[in-house]
C-alpha atoms as a PDB file:
ATOM      1  CA  MET A   1      17.806  -6.573  -7.080  1.00  0.00           C
ATOM      2  CA  ARG A   2      19.219  -3.080  -6.820  1.00  0.00           C
ATOM      3  CA  VAL A   3      18.406  -0.795  -3.861  1.00  0.00           C
ATOM      4  CA  GLU A   4      19.093   2.938  -3.911  1.00  0.00           C
ATOM      5  CA  LEU A   5      18.725   4.645  -0.526  1.00  0.00           C
ATOM      6  CA  ARG A   6      17.938   8.355  -0.421  1.00  0.00           C
ATOM      7  CA  ASP A   7      19.760  10.155   2.372  1.00  0.00           C
ATOM      8  CA  PRO A   8      18.190  12.466   3.151  1.00  0.00           C
ATOM      9  CA  PRO A   9      14.824  11.236   1.896  1.00  0.00           C
ATOM     10  CA  ARG A  10      12.970  13.376  -0.625  1.00  0.00           C
ATOM     11  CA  GLU A  11       9.944  14.946   1.089  1.00  0.00           C
ATOM     12  CA  PHE A  12       6.717  15.898  -0.658  1.00  0.00           C
ATOM     13  CA  ARG A  13       3.099  16.634   0.143  1.00  0.00           C
ATOM     14  CA  ALA A  14       0.304  14.185  -0.676  1.00  0.00           C
ATOM     15  CA  GLY A  15      -2.905  15.889   0.382  1.00  0.00           C
ATOM     16  CA  THR A  16      -2.547  16.781   4.060  1.00  0.00           C
ATOM     17  CA  VAL A  17       0.347  14.350   4.650  1.00  0.00           C
ATOM     18  CA  THR A  18       4.091  14.843   4.123  1.00  0.00           C
ATOM     19  CA  LEU A  19       5.714  11.691   2.725  1.00  0.00           C
ATOM     20  CA  ARG A  20       9.413  10.784   2.752  1.00  0.00           C
ATOM     21  CA  ASP A  21      10.649   8.929  -0.337  1.00  0.00           C
ATOM     22  CA  SER A  22      13.444   6.905   1.288  1.00  0.00           C
ATOM     23  CA  ALA A  23      14.545   4.373  -1.348  1.00  0.00           C
ATOM     24  CA  SER A  24      13.952   2.830  -4.737  1.00  0.00           C
ATOM     25  CA  VAL A  25      14.171  -0.896  -5.457  1.00  0.00           C
ATOM     26  CA  GLU A  26      14.735  -2.321  -8.930  1.00  0.00           C
ATOM     27  CA  LEU A  27      13.584  -5.942  -9.191  1.00  0.00           C
ATOM     28  CA  GLU A  28      14.429  -8.496 -11.828  1.00  0.00           C
ATOM     29  CA  PRO A  29      11.631 -10.781 -13.059  1.00  0.00           C
ATOM     30  CA  HIS A  30      10.744 -13.414 -10.423  1.00  0.00           C
ATOM     31  CA  GLU A  31      12.103 -11.331  -7.522  1.00  0.00           C
ATOM     32  CA  GLN A  32      10.032 -10.201  -4.557  1.00  0.00           C
ATOM     33  CA  VAL A  33      10.386  -7.710  -1.713  1.00  0.00           C
ATOM     34  CA  THR A  34       8.441  -7.975   1.539  1.00  0.00           C
ATOM     35  CA  PHE A  35       7.488  -4.989   3.672  1.00  0.00           C
ATOM     36  CA  THR A  36       6.679  -5.683   7.323  1.00  0.00           C
ATOM     37  CA  THR A  37       4.908  -3.934  10.195  1.00  0.00           C
ATOM     38  CA  PRO A  38       5.816  -4.052  13.889  1.00  0.00           C
ATOM     39  CA  ALA A  39       2.565  -5.999  14.450  1.00  0.00           C
ATOM     40  CA  GLY A  40       3.767  -8.808  12.162  1.00  0.00           C
ATOM     41  CA  GLY A  41       1.942  -7.760   9.006  1.00  0.00           C
ATOM     42  CA  GLU A  42       3.569  -8.441   5.668  1.00  0.00           C
ATOM     43  CA  TYR A  43       3.072  -6.932   2.226  1.00  0.00           C
ATOM     44  CA  ASP A  44       4.765  -8.492  -0.802  1.00  0.00           C
ATOM     45  CA  VAL A  45       5.472  -7.014  -4.224  1.00  0.00           C
ATOM     46  CA  ALA A  46       6.731  -9.448  -6.858  1.00  0.00           C
ATOM     47  CA  ARG A  47       8.025  -8.681 -10.348  1.00  0.00           C
ATOM     48  CA  THR A  48       7.208 -10.966 -13.256  1.00  0.00           C
ATOM     49  CA  PRO A  49       8.244 -10.873 -16.930  1.00  0.00           C
ATOM     50  CA  TRP A  50       4.887  -9.182 -17.708  1.00  0.00           C
ATOM     51  CA  GLY A  51       4.702  -6.695 -14.796  1.00  0.00           C
ATOM     52  CA  PHE A  52       4.004  -6.971 -11.045  1.00  0.00           C
ATOM     53  CA  TYR A  53       1.919  -8.787  -8.518  1.00  0.00           C
ATOM     54  CA  ALA A  54       1.078  -5.633  -6.584  1.00  0.00           C
ATOM     55  CA  THR A  55      -0.298  -7.416  -3.502  1.00  0.00           C
ATOM     56  CA  PRO A  56      -0.560 -10.862  -1.985  1.00  0.00           C
ATOM     57  CA  SER A  57      -3.927 -12.545  -2.664  1.00  0.00           C
ATOM     58  CA  LEU A  58      -6.648 -10.095  -1.625  1.00  0.00           C
ATOM     59  CA  ASN A  59      -8.799 -12.695   0.136  1.00  0.00           C
ATOM     60  CA  GLY A  60      -6.053 -15.101   1.257  1.00  0.00           C
ATOM     61  CA  ARG A  61      -2.580 -14.112   2.390  1.00  0.00           C
ATOM     62  CA  LEU A  62      -3.272 -10.373   2.669  1.00  0.00           C
ATOM     63  CA  PRO A  63      -5.939 -10.745   5.400  1.00  0.00           C
ATOM     64  CA  ARG A  64      -3.774 -13.340   7.169  1.00  0.00           C
ATOM     65  CA  PHE A  65      -1.086 -10.643   7.333  1.00  0.00           C
ATOM     66  CA  GLY A  66      -3.560  -8.271   9.019  1.00  0.00           C
ATOM     67  CA  LEU A  67      -4.322  -6.095   5.973  1.00  0.00           C
ATOM     68  CA  LYS A  68      -7.715  -5.316   4.412  1.00  0.00           C
ATOM     69  CA  PRO A  69      -7.702  -4.110   0.771  1.00  0.00           C
ATOM     70  CA  ALA A  70      -9.969  -1.309  -0.416  1.00  0.00           C
ATOM     71  CA  LEU A  71     -10.544   0.299  -3.792  1.00  0.00           C
ATOM     72  CA  ALA A  72     -10.857   4.001  -2.990  1.00  0.00           C
ATOM     73  CA  ARG A  73     -11.577   7.201  -4.931  1.00  0.00           C
ATOM     74  CA  ASN A  74     -10.571  10.753  -4.062  1.00  0.00           C
ATOM     75  CA  ALA A  75     -12.321  14.028  -4.865  1.00  0.00           C
ATOM     76  CA  ASP A  76     -10.318  14.346  -8.128  1.00  0.00           C
ATOM     77  CA  ASP A  77     -11.829  11.022  -9.289  1.00  0.00           C
ATOM     78  CA  LYS A  78      -8.484   9.223  -8.947  1.00  0.00           C
ATOM     79  CA  TYR A  79      -8.584   5.580  -7.819  1.00  0.00           C
ATOM     80  CA  PHE A  80      -6.230   3.877  -5.367  1.00  0.00           C
ATOM     81  CA  VAL A  81      -5.830   0.471  -3.771  1.00  0.00           C
ATOM     82  CA  LEU A  82      -5.348   1.054  -0.051  1.00  0.00           C
ATOM     83  CA  LEU A  83      -4.431  -1.569   2.552  1.00  0.00           C
ATOM     84  CA  VAL A  84      -5.817  -0.990   6.040  1.00  0.00           C
ATOM     85  CA  GLU A  85      -4.003  -2.546   9.003  1.00  0.00           C
ATOM     86  CA  HIS A  86      -6.197  -4.545  11.376  1.00  0.00           C
ATOM     87  CA  GLY A  87      -6.947  -2.407  14.413  1.00  0.00           C
ATOM     88  CA  ARG A  88      -6.236   0.856  12.539  1.00  0.00           C
ATOM     89  CA  GLU A  89      -9.702   1.273  11.032  1.00  0.00           C
ATOM     90  CA  ASP A  90     -10.446   4.448  13.028  1.00  0.00           C
ATOM     91  CA  ASP A  91      -7.186   6.023  11.773  1.00  0.00           C
ATOM     92  CA  PHE A  92      -8.179   5.031   8.233  1.00  0.00           C
ATOM     93  CA  ASP A  93     -11.643   6.583   8.603  1.00  0.00           C
ATOM     94  CA  ARG A  94     -10.143   9.851   9.901  1.00  0.00           C
ATOM     95  CA  TYR A  95      -7.649   9.884   7.015  1.00  0.00           C
ATOM     96  CA  CYS A  96     -10.420   9.333   4.449  1.00  0.00           C
ATOM     97  CA  ASP A  97     -12.488  12.138   5.998  1.00  0.00           C
ATOM     98  CA  ALA A  98      -9.516  14.545   5.986  1.00  0.00           C
ATOM     99  CA  GLU A  99      -8.556  13.705   2.392  1.00  0.00           C
ATOM    100  CA  ASP A 100     -12.113  13.450   0.969  1.00  0.00           C
ATOM    101  CA  ILE A 101     -11.579   9.797   0.035  1.00  0.00           C
ATOM    102  CA  SER A 102     -14.386   7.277  -0.260  1.00  0.00           C
ATOM    103  CA  VAL A 103     -14.199   3.491  -0.303  1.00  0.00           C
ATOM    104  CA  VAL A 104     -15.671   2.224  -3.572  1.00  0.00           C
ATOM    105  CA  GLU A 105     -15.420  -1.402  -2.509  1.00  0.00           C
ATOM    106  CA  TRP A 106     -13.628  -3.619  -0.015  1.00  0.00           C
ATOM    107  CA  LEU A 107     -11.721  -5.998  -2.308  1.00  0.00           C
ATOM    108  CA  ASP A 108     -11.739  -9.023  -0.008  1.00  0.00           C
ATOM    109  CA  GLU A 109     -15.524  -9.217   0.307  1.00  0.00           C
ATOM    110  CA  ARG A 110     -16.562 -10.770  -3.005  1.00  0.00           C
END
């Protein structure tokens, strides 16, 4: 694994939000990185020889880590997979309203 920190982070606008691009991580096949939240949530990304596992299992480990996956679409007809932290649903709804994003489907409810 190779980590490149950006100091200062690169800032850019994404809709009404300013994001800070703080680092890049280059993974070898069969390596994983885990992102955590102060509430104990975890989000894993794993590289394989054929690509990436972009999330833990949508209806298994992901909900156990306090995250709910949604397939969402914005006003430009672009699709995104968004992960909503348990207890932050009102923040998510406000964000979707501000950015004109709609939930196409909750991915853990099949």
